[in-house]
């Protein structure tokens, strides 16, 4: 069950932020959760066909990742000085899409974890907006939320989240 658990990892692919997602995915896979993916893992096009980026295809991959996953890990990073203010716009849209699917019963029995970089909630209105901030506040007691300074500090709580997802699925059998 552990090897097959479909885990989606969402976050910004902007410069070094993508490396954070890859390190998180590698840490999760190292503990036996081999079905952890970022959207690019679902891209079956040849490498040369991926450049230049295609926003429509990227959205298709995002939808596919949400649809295939039952455990969802969202990395909400605070924009640094040299990063765009809308750094987490795509991930907040993915979070809203998943929430809408869950609220309408289209995707049930989903597990959600938010990894929120410390300081983001203070400046979120300028980055992802108050709607995202409200969604996080609304789901505070339903979802696992972990605040972090460096992505490496989230590895252990994320592994624990994945383990709880297995327990939840086992209990439903």
C-alpha atoms as a PDB file:
ATOM      1  CA  UNK A   1       0.000   0.000   0.000  1.00  0.00           C
ATOM      2  CA  UNK A   2       2.879   2.365   0.822  1.00  0.00           C
ATOM      3  CA  UNK A   3       4.550   1.972  -2.572  1.00  0.00           C
ATOM      4  CA  UNK A   4       1.322   2.644  -4.460  1.00  0.00           C
ATOM      5  CA  UNK A   5      -0.036   5.629  -2.493  1.00  0.00           C
ATOM      6  CA  UNK A   6      -0.482   8.364  -5.145  1.00  0.00           C
ATOM      7  CA  UNK A   7       1.035  11.506  -3.648  1.00  0.00           C
ATOM      8  CA  UNK A   8       0.961  14.860  -5.427  1.00  0.00           C
ATOM      9  CA  UNK A   9       3.509  17.511  -4.496  1.00  0.00           C
ATOM     10  CA  UNK A  10       2.634  21.046  -5.575  1.00  0.00           C
ATOM     11  CA  UNK A  11       4.674  24.219  -5.413  1.00  0.00           C
ATOM     12  CA  UNK A  12       6.542  26.856  -7.331  1.00  0.00           C
ATOM     13  CA  UNK A  13       8.956  25.780 -10.074  1.00  0.00           C
ATOM     14  CA  UNK A  14      10.600  29.220 -10.001  1.00  0.00           C
ATOM     15  CA  UNK A  15      14.388  28.878  -9.998  1.00  0.00           C
ATOM     16  CA  UNK A  16      15.642  27.259  -6.758  1.00  0.00           C
ATOM     17  CA  UNK A  17      12.089  26.617  -5.532  1.00  0.00           C
ATOM     18  CA  UNK A  18      11.844  23.690  -7.936  1.00  0.00           C
ATOM     19  CA  UNK A  19      14.895  22.145  -6.252  1.00  0.00           C
ATOM     20  CA  UNK A  20      13.022  22.340  -2.930  1.00  0.00           C
ATOM     21  CA  UNK A  21      10.170  20.341  -4.465  1.00  0.00           C
ATOM     22  CA  UNK A  22      12.574  17.778  -5.902  1.00  0.00           C
ATOM     23  CA  UNK A  23      14.345  17.357  -2.547  1.00  0.00           C
ATOM     24  CA  UNK A  24      11.003  16.907  -0.793  1.00  0.00           C
ATOM     25  CA  UNK A  25       9.894  14.343  -3.382  1.00  0.00           C
ATOM     26  CA  UNK A  26      13.198  12.474  -3.051  1.00  0.00           C
ATOM     27  CA  UNK A  27      12.878  12.405   0.753  1.00  0.00           C
ATOM     28  CA  UNK A  28       9.345  10.998   0.527  1.00  0.00           C
ATOM     29  CA  UNK A  29      10.395   8.380  -2.013  1.00  0.00           C
ATOM     30  CA  UNK A  30      13.394   7.421   0.122  1.00  0.00           C
ATOM     31  CA  UNK A  31      10.923   6.271   2.785  1.00  0.00           C
ATOM     32  CA  UNK A  32       9.170   3.945   0.355  1.00  0.00           C
ATOM     33  CA  UNK A  33       6.459   6.224  -1.027  1.00  0.00           C
ATOM     34  CA  UNK A  34       7.537   5.609  -4.619  1.00  0.00           C
ATOM     35  CA  UNK A  35       4.387   7.058  -6.163  1.00  0.00           C
ATOM     36  CA  UNK A  36       5.135  10.630  -5.030  1.00  0.00           C
ATOM     37  CA  UNK A  37       5.157  12.988  -8.018  1.00  0.00           C
ATOM     38  CA  UNK A  38       5.387  16.569  -9.122  1.00  0.00           C
ATOM     39  CA  UNK A  39       3.507  17.497 -12.276  1.00  0.00           C
ATOM     40  CA  UNK A  40       6.606  17.217 -14.480  1.00  0.00           C
ATOM     41  CA  UNK A  41       6.879  13.520 -13.600  1.00  0.00           C
ATOM     42  CA  UNK A  42       3.655  12.975 -15.542  1.00  0.00           C
ATOM     43  CA  UNK A  43       5.014  14.626 -18.690  1.00  0.00           C
ATOM     44  CA  UNK A  44       5.572  11.876 -21.242  1.00  0.00           C
ATOM     45  CA  UNK A  45       6.757  14.174 -24.030  1.00  0.00           C
ATOM     46  CA  UNK A  46      10.356  13.891 -25.247  1.00  0.00           C
ATOM     47  CA  UNK A  47      12.704  16.358 -23.543  1.00  0.00           C
ATOM     48  CA  UNK A  48      13.122  18.458 -26.706  1.00  0.00           C
ATOM     49  CA  UNK A  49       9.332  18.939 -26.934  1.00  0.00           C
ATOM     50  CA  UNK A  50       9.221  20.552 -23.483  1.00  0.00           C
ATOM     51  CA  UNK A  51      11.010  23.726 -24.545  1.00  0.00           C
ATOM     52  CA  UNK A  52       9.665  26.354 -24.718  1.00  0.00           C
ATOM     53  CA  UNK A  53       7.200  25.764 -21.874  1.00  0.00           C
ATOM     54  CA  UNK A  54       3.561  25.382 -22.877  1.00  0.00           C
ATOM     55  CA  UNK A  55       1.185  26.899 -20.265  1.00  0.00           C
ATOM     56  CA  UNK A  56      -1.785  24.914 -21.575  1.00  0.00           C
ATOM     57  CA  UNK A  57       0.104  21.643 -21.284  1.00  0.00           C
ATOM     58  CA  UNK A  58       1.408  22.664 -17.841  1.00  0.00           C
ATOM     59  CA  UNK A  59      -2.188  23.167 -16.711  1.00  0.00           C
ATOM     60  CA  UNK A  60      -3.092  19.759 -18.151  1.00  0.00           C
ATOM     61  CA  UNK A  61      -0.304  18.205 -16.049  1.00  0.00           C
ATOM     62  CA  UNK A  62      -1.548  20.041 -12.960  1.00  0.00           C
ATOM     63  CA  UNK A  63      -5.083  18.707 -13.477  1.00  0.00           C
ATOM     64  CA  UNK A  64      -3.689  15.222 -14.052  1.00  0.00           C
ATOM     65  CA  UNK A  65      -1.656  15.377 -10.817  1.00  0.00           C
ATOM     66  CA  UNK A  66      -4.696  16.424  -8.794  1.00  0.00           C
ATOM     67  CA  UNK A  67      -6.865  13.751 -10.416  1.00  0.00           C
ATOM     68  CA  UNK A  68      -4.410  10.874  -9.813  1.00  0.00           C
ATOM     69  CA  UNK A  69      -3.430  11.753  -6.240  1.00  0.00           C
ATOM     70  CA  UNK A  70      -5.176  10.977  -2.955  1.00  0.00           C
ATOM     71  CA  UNK A  71      -2.513  12.534  -0.737  1.00  0.00           C
ATOM     72  CA  UNK A  72      -1.659  16.130  -1.590  1.00  0.00           C
ATOM     73  CA  UNK A  73       1.299  18.138  -0.288  1.00  0.00           C
ATOM     74  CA  UNK A  74       1.245  21.858  -1.076  1.00  0.00           C
ATOM     75  CA  UNK A  75       4.403  23.905  -0.556  1.00  0.00           C
ATOM     76  CA  UNK A  76       3.473  27.545  -0.016  1.00  0.00           C
ATOM     77  CA  UNK A  77       6.719  29.495  -0.134  1.00  0.00           C
ATOM     78  CA  UNK A  78       7.152  33.118   0.837  1.00  0.00           C
ATOM     79  CA  UNK A  79       8.526  35.214  -2.024  1.00  0.00           C
ATOM     80  CA  UNK A  80      12.090  36.349  -1.453  1.00  0.00           C
ATOM     81  CA  UNK A  81      13.366  39.805  -2.360  1.00  0.00           C
ATOM     82  CA  UNK A  82      14.311  38.805  -5.917  1.00  0.00           C
ATOM     83  CA  UNK A  83      11.261  36.589  -6.490  1.00  0.00           C
ATOM     84  CA  UNK A  84       7.906  37.611  -7.977  1.00  0.00           C
ATOM     85  CA  UNK A  85       5.153  38.571  -5.552  1.00  0.00           C
ATOM     86  CA  UNK A  86       2.873  36.003  -7.208  1.00  0.00           C
ATOM     87  CA  UNK A  87       5.319  33.147  -6.501  1.00  0.00           C
ATOM     88  CA  UNK A  88       2.581  30.844  -5.197  1.00  0.00           C
ATOM     89  CA  UNK A  89      -0.219  31.866  -7.532  1.00  0.00           C
ATOM     90  CA  UNK A  90      -0.234  28.553  -9.426  1.00  0.00           C
ATOM     91  CA  UNK A  91      -0.072  26.423  -6.281  1.00  0.00           C
ATOM     92  CA  UNK A  92      -2.869  28.442  -4.656  1.00  0.00           C
ATOM     93  CA  UNK A  93      -4.976  27.824  -7.781  1.00  0.00           C
ATOM     94  CA  UNK A  94      -4.244  24.091  -7.541  1.00  0.00           C
ATOM     95  CA  UNK A  95      -5.210  24.144  -3.872  1.00  0.00           C
ATOM     96  CA  UNK A  96      -8.469  25.914  -4.682  1.00  0.00           C
ATOM     97  CA  UNK A  97      -9.223  23.423  -7.483  1.00  0.00           C
ATOM     98  CA  UNK A  98      -8.692  20.434  -5.195  1.00  0.00           C
ATOM     99  CA  UNK A  99     -10.815  22.048  -2.491  1.00  0.00           C
ATOM    100  CA  UNK A 100     -13.669  22.662  -4.944  1.00  0.00           C
ATOM    101  CA  UNK A 101     -13.529  19.042  -6.121  1.00  0.00           C
ATOM    102  CA  UNK A 102     -13.604  17.856  -2.505  1.00  0.00           C
ATOM    103  CA  UNK A 103     -16.408  20.241  -1.509  1.00  0.00           C
ATOM    104  CA  UNK A 104     -18.571  18.989  -4.394  1.00  0.00           C
ATOM    105  CA  UNK A 105     -17.928  15.313  -3.616  1.00  0.00           C
ATOM    106  CA  UNK A 106     -16.027  14.704  -6.845  1.00  0.00           C
ATOM    107  CA  UNK A 107     -12.885  13.764  -4.939  1.00  0.00           C
ATOM    108  CA  UNK A 108     -13.573  12.247  -1.555  1.00  0.00           C
ATOM    109  CA  UNK A 109     -11.253  10.667   0.995  1.00  0.00           C
ATOM    110  CA  UNK A 110      -8.422  13.048   0.146  1.00  0.00           C
ATOM    111  CA  UNK A 111      -5.632  13.910   2.554  1.00  0.00           C
ATOM    112  CA  UNK A 112      -4.070  17.379   2.426  1.00  0.00           C
ATOM    113  CA  UNK A 113      -0.912  18.807   3.929  1.00  0.00           C
ATOM    114  CA  UNK A 114       0.173  22.422   3.646  1.00  0.00           C
ATOM    115  CA  UNK A 115       3.806  23.339   4.133  1.00  0.00           C
ATOM    116  CA  UNK A 116       3.712  27.092   4.763  1.00  0.00           C
ATOM    117  CA  UNK A 117       6.931  29.059   4.900  1.00  0.00           C
ATOM    118  CA  UNK A 118       7.084  31.200   8.027  1.00  0.00           C
ATOM    119  CA  UNK A 119       6.151  34.792   7.331  1.00  0.00           C
ATOM    120  CA  UNK A 120       3.916  33.986   4.362  1.00  0.00           C
ATOM    121  CA  UNK A 121       0.662  34.438   6.250  1.00  0.00           C
ATOM    122  CA  UNK A 122       1.717  38.000   7.112  1.00  0.00           C
ATOM    123  CA  UNK A 123       2.284  38.933   3.460  1.00  0.00           C
ATOM    124  CA  UNK A 124      -0.088  36.533   1.700  1.00  0.00           C
ATOM    125  CA  UNK A 125      -2.516  39.264   0.635  1.00  0.00           C
ATOM    126  CA  UNK A 126       0.237  40.621  -1.593  1.00  0.00           C
ATOM    127  CA  UNK A 127       1.181  37.228  -3.023  1.00  0.00           C
ATOM    128  CA  UNK A 128      -1.710  34.768  -3.272  1.00  0.00           C
ATOM    129  CA  UNK A 129      -4.476  36.937  -1.899  1.00  0.00           C
ATOM    130  CA  UNK A 130      -6.901  36.950   0.975  1.00  0.00           C
ATOM    131  CA  UNK A 131      -8.970  34.172  -0.616  1.00  0.00           C
ATOM    132  CA  UNK A 132      -6.016  31.808  -0.210  1.00  0.00           C
ATOM    133  CA  UNK A 133      -5.456  33.054   3.336  1.00  0.00           C
ATOM    134  CA  UNK A 134      -9.135  32.475   4.091  1.00  0.00           C
ATOM    135  CA  UNK A 135      -9.025  28.960   2.651  1.00  0.00           C
ATOM    136  CA  UNK A 136      -6.071  28.080   4.863  1.00  0.00           C
ATOM    137  CA  UNK A 137      -7.829  29.507   7.928  1.00  0.00           C
ATOM    138  CA  UNK A 138     -11.050  27.658   7.052  1.00  0.00           C
ATOM    139  CA  UNK A 139      -9.284  24.296   6.751  1.00  0.00           C
ATOM    140  CA  UNK A 140      -6.961  24.768   9.725  1.00  0.00           C
ATOM    141  CA  UNK A 141      -8.478  21.872  11.673  1.00  0.00           C
ATOM    142  CA  UNK A 142      -9.092  19.545   8.707  1.00  0.00           C
ATOM    143  CA  UNK A 143      -5.687  19.612   7.051  1.00  0.00           C
ATOM    144  CA  UNK A 144      -2.169  19.038   8.300  1.00  0.00           C
ATOM    145  CA  UNK A 145      -0.403  22.402   8.325  1.00  0.00           C
ATOM    146  CA  UNK A 146       3.302  22.697   9.029  1.00  0.00           C
ATOM    147  CA  UNK A 147       5.185  25.992   9.174  1.00  0.00           C
ATOM    148  CA  UNK A 148       8.814  25.940   8.097  1.00  0.00           C
ATOM    149  CA  UNK A 149      11.882  28.074   7.530  1.00  0.00           C
ATOM    150  CA  UNK A 150      13.868  25.668   5.316  1.00  0.00           C
ATOM    151  CA  UNK A 151      12.299  22.897   3.243  1.00  0.00           C
ATOM    152  CA  UNK A 152      14.568  20.284   4.852  1.00  0.00           C
ATOM    153  CA  UNK A 153      12.778  20.779   8.177  1.00  0.00           C
ATOM    154  CA  UNK A 154       9.537  19.553   6.585  1.00  0.00           C
ATOM    155  CA  UNK A 155      10.805  16.109   5.605  1.00  0.00           C
ATOM    156  CA  UNK A 156       9.994  14.325   8.871  1.00  0.00           C
ATOM    157  CA  UNK A 157       6.501  15.857   9.291  1.00  0.00           C
ATOM    158  CA  UNK A 158       5.784  15.052   5.633  1.00  0.00           C
ATOM    159  CA  UNK A 159       6.827  11.418   6.075  1.00  0.00           C
ATOM    160  CA  UNK A 160       4.568  11.249   9.148  1.00  0.00           C
ATOM    161  CA  UNK A 161       1.712  12.700   7.072  1.00  0.00           C
ATOM    162  CA  UNK A 162       2.234  10.023   4.414  1.00  0.00           C
ATOM    163  CA  UNK A 163       2.166   7.328   7.097  1.00  0.00           C
ATOM    164  CA  UNK A 164      -1.133   8.707   8.444  1.00  0.00           C
ATOM    165  CA  UNK A 165      -2.523   8.624   4.893  1.00  0.00           C
ATOM    166  CA  UNK A 166      -1.745   4.901   4.739  1.00  0.00           C
ATOM    167  CA  UNK A 167      -3.472   4.409   8.106  1.00  0.00           C
ATOM    168  CA  UNK A 168      -6.554   6.306   6.865  1.00  0.00           C
ATOM    169  CA  UNK A 169      -6.743   4.208   3.709  1.00  0.00           C
ATOM    170  CA  UNK A 170      -6.251   1.002   5.710  1.00  0.00           C
ATOM    171  CA  UNK A 171      -9.092   1.977   8.057  1.00  0.00           C
ATOM    172  CA  UNK A 172     -11.421   2.418   5.049  1.00  0.00           C
ATOM    173  CA  UNK A 173     -10.829  -1.156   3.812  1.00  0.00           C
END
